[in-house]
Amino acid sequence: MSAITRDQVAHLADLARIEMTDEELARVAGELELIVSSVASVSQAAGPDVPATSHPLPLHNVFREDVVGDTLTQDEALLNAPDAQEGKFRVPAILDGE
């Protein structure tokens, strides 16, 4: 694979409207080259007999089942409400006419 050059990084930075100094261009070119070579080495390790996975270990749900437990009655829920009407919390209107 060919090396990523400073000029290629400068071109990409220009397309993305990112201002970069000469030092940054040189550093990013080296970092991108390392990233590309790392991806290439991983791609070589995975052959056609290796199934694609999103995680190395199987995932499972760690949450408990959603089971209804003890709940408040409507009267208990409204007991300490500052204002209630027809079994509902009453709040000030924030939109006029809607």
C-alpha atoms as a PDB file:
ATOM      1  CA  MET A   1       0.000   0.000   0.000  1.00  0.00           C
ATOM      2  CA  SER A   2       1.315   3.436  -0.860  1.00  0.00           C
ATOM      3  CA  ALA A   3       2.142   5.878   1.891  1.00  0.00           C
ATOM      4  CA  ILE A   4      -0.229   8.715   2.670  1.00  0.00           C
ATOM      5  CA  THR A   5       1.556  11.902   1.738  1.00  0.00           C
ATOM      6  CA  ARG A   6       1.499  15.336   3.276  1.00  0.00           C
ATOM      7  CA  ASP A   7       0.018  16.671   0.018  1.00  0.00           C
ATOM      8  CA  GLN A   8      -2.898  14.207   0.243  1.00  0.00           C
ATOM      9  CA  VAL A   9      -3.611  15.301   3.802  1.00  0.00           C
ATOM     10  CA  ALA A  10      -3.388  18.951   2.746  1.00  0.00           C
ATOM     11  CA  HIS A  11      -5.870  18.264  -0.063  1.00  0.00           C
ATOM     12  CA  LEU A  12      -8.310  16.554   2.324  1.00  0.00           C
ATOM     13  CA  ALA A  13      -7.929  19.366   4.862  1.00  0.00           C
ATOM     14  CA  ASP A  14      -8.681  21.877   2.114  1.00  0.00           C
ATOM     15  CA  LEU A  15     -11.800  19.947   1.057  1.00  0.00           C
ATOM     16  CA  ALA A  16     -12.955  19.817   4.677  1.00  0.00           C
ATOM     17  CA  ARG A  17     -12.133  23.500   5.172  1.00  0.00           C
ATOM     18  CA  ILE A  18      -9.709  22.673   7.999  1.00  0.00           C
ATOM     19  CA  GLU A  19      -6.718  24.938   8.456  1.00  0.00           C
ATOM     20  CA  MET A  20      -3.594  22.973   9.347  1.00  0.00           C
ATOM     21  CA  THR A  21       0.011  24.009   9.876  1.00  0.00           C
ATOM     22  CA  ASP A  22       2.892  22.226   8.126  1.00  0.00           C
ATOM     23  CA  GLU A  23       3.701  20.428  11.383  1.00  0.00           C
ATOM     24  CA  GLU A  24       0.117  19.225  11.737  1.00  0.00           C
ATOM     25  CA  LEU A  25       0.009  18.034   8.138  1.00  0.00           C
ATOM     26  CA  ALA A  26       3.173  15.986   8.591  1.00  0.00           C
ATOM     27  CA  ARG A  27       2.006  14.529  11.912  1.00  0.00           C
ATOM     28  CA  VAL A  28      -1.477  13.641  10.630  1.00  0.00           C
ATOM     29  CA  ALA A  29       0.001  12.026   7.501  1.00  0.00           C
ATOM     30  CA  GLY A  30       2.039   9.702   9.725  1.00  0.00           C
ATOM     31  CA  GLU A  31      -0.933   8.950  11.967  1.00  0.00           C
ATOM     32  CA  LEU A  32      -3.192   8.171   9.014  1.00  0.00           C
ATOM     33  CA  GLU A  33      -0.542   5.887   7.516  1.00  0.00           C
ATOM     34  CA  LEU A  34      -0.369   3.981  10.811  1.00  0.00           C
ATOM     35  CA  ILE A  35      -4.173   3.675  10.931  1.00  0.00           C
ATOM     36  CA  VAL A  36      -4.373   2.405   7.353  1.00  0.00           C
ATOM     37  CA  SER A  37      -1.615  -0.154   7.908  1.00  0.00           C
ATOM     38  CA  SER A  38      -3.300  -1.349  11.126  1.00  0.00           C
ATOM     39  CA  VAL A  39      -6.615  -1.852   9.337  1.00  0.00           C
ATOM     40  CA  ALA A  40      -4.812  -3.700   6.535  1.00  0.00           C
ATOM     41  CA  SER A  41      -3.145  -6.084   8.989  1.00  0.00           C
ATOM     42  CA  VAL A  42      -6.476  -6.837  10.682  1.00  0.00           C
ATOM     43  CA  SER A  43      -8.084  -7.424   7.278  1.00  0.00           C
ATOM     44  CA  GLN A  44      -5.388  -9.972   6.424  1.00  0.00           C
ATOM     45  CA  ALA A  45      -5.991 -11.899   9.655  1.00  0.00           C
ATOM     46  CA  ALA A  46      -9.696 -12.368   8.972  1.00  0.00           C
ATOM     47  CA  GLY A  47     -10.090 -15.012   6.290  1.00  0.00           C
ATOM     48  CA  PRO A  48     -13.238 -16.135   4.483  1.00  0.00           C
ATOM     49  CA  ASP A  49     -13.853 -18.807   7.133  1.00  0.00           C
ATOM     50  CA  VAL A  50     -14.022 -16.222   9.947  1.00  0.00           C
ATOM     51  CA  PRO A  51     -17.566 -14.860  10.392  1.00  0.00           C
ATOM     52  CA  ALA A  52     -17.971 -11.113  10.741  1.00  0.00           C
ATOM     53  CA  THR A  53     -18.877 -10.005  14.265  1.00  0.00           C
ATOM     54  CA  SER A  54     -19.657  -6.701  15.908  1.00  0.00           C
ATOM     55  CA  HIS A  55     -18.402  -7.835  19.333  1.00  0.00           C
ATOM     56  CA  PRO A  56     -15.854 -10.438  20.385  1.00  0.00           C
ATOM     57  CA  LEU A  57     -18.175 -11.797  23.073  1.00  0.00           C
ATOM     58  CA  PRO A  58     -21.887 -12.575  22.776  1.00  0.00           C
ATOM     59  CA  LEU A  59     -24.139  -9.835  24.089  1.00  0.00           C
ATOM     60  CA  HIS A  60     -27.079 -10.371  26.396  1.00  0.00           C
ATOM     61  CA  ASN A  61     -29.588  -8.074  28.016  1.00  0.00           C
ATOM     62  CA  VAL A  62     -28.596  -7.241  31.592  1.00  0.00           C
ATOM     63  CA  PHE A  63     -31.877  -5.576  32.495  1.00  0.00           C
ATOM     64  CA  ARG A  64     -34.603  -7.250  34.495  1.00  0.00           C
ATOM     65  CA  GLU A  65     -37.969  -8.081  33.008  1.00  0.00           C
ATOM     66  CA  ASP A  66     -40.439  -5.200  33.000  1.00  0.00           C
ATOM     67  CA  VAL A  67     -42.961  -6.475  35.543  1.00  0.00           C
ATOM     68  CA  VAL A  68     -45.692  -4.333  37.052  1.00  0.00           C
ATOM     69  CA  GLY A  69     -45.267  -4.099  40.809  1.00  0.00           C
ATOM     70  CA  ASP A  70     -47.046  -2.168  43.525  1.00  0.00           C
ATOM     71  CA  THR A  71     -48.355   1.104  42.118  1.00  0.00           C
ATOM     72  CA  LEU A  72     -50.099   4.152  43.494  1.00  0.00           C
ATOM     73  CA  THR A  73     -53.797   4.617  43.057  1.00  0.00           C
ATOM     74  CA  GLN A  74     -54.950   7.751  41.295  1.00  0.00           C
ATOM     75  CA  ASP A  75     -55.973   9.319  44.614  1.00  0.00           C
ATOM     76  CA  GLU A  76     -52.583   8.486  46.199  1.00  0.00           C
ATOM     77  CA  ALA A  77     -50.718  10.001  43.232  1.00  0.00           C
ATOM     78  CA  LEU A  78     -52.720  13.234  43.448  1.00  0.00           C
ATOM     79  CA  LEU A  79     -52.674  13.435  47.257  1.00  0.00           C
ATOM     80  CA  ASN A  80     -49.820  16.014  47.470  1.00  0.00           C
ATOM     81  CA  ALA A  81     -50.409  17.676  44.095  1.00  0.00           C
ATOM     82  CA  PRO A  82     -50.594  21.489  44.330  1.00  0.00           C
ATOM     83  CA  ASP A  83     -53.638  21.464  42.049  1.00  0.00           C
ATOM     84  CA  ALA A  84     -55.746  18.660  40.574  1.00  0.00           C
ATOM     85  CA  GLN A  85     -58.901  18.566  38.497  1.00  0.00           C
ATOM     86  CA  GLU A  86     -60.970  15.588  37.331  1.00  0.00           C
ATOM     87  CA  GLY A  87     -58.364  13.100  38.543  1.00  0.00           C
ATOM     88  CA  LYS A  88     -55.459  14.760  36.731  1.00  0.00           C
ATOM     89  CA  PHE A  89     -52.617  17.104  37.643  1.00  0.00           C
ATOM     90  CA  ARG A  90     -53.563  20.668  36.794  1.00  0.00           C
ATOM     91  CA  VAL A  91     -50.747  22.883  35.544  1.00  0.00           C
ATOM     92  CA  PRO A  92     -50.618  26.437  34.221  1.00  0.00           C
ATOM     93  CA  ALA A  93     -51.125  26.842  30.485  1.00  0.00           C
ATOM     94  CA  ILE A  94     -47.945  27.709  28.624  1.00  0.00           C
ATOM     95  CA  LEU A  95     -49.407  28.109  25.127  1.00  0.00           C
ATOM     96  CA  ASP A  96     -52.222  30.602  24.544  1.00  0.00           C
ATOM     97  CA  GLY A  97     -55.245  29.274  22.719  1.00  0.00           C
ATOM     98  CA  GLU A  98     -53.895  25.762  22.065  1.00  0.00           C
END
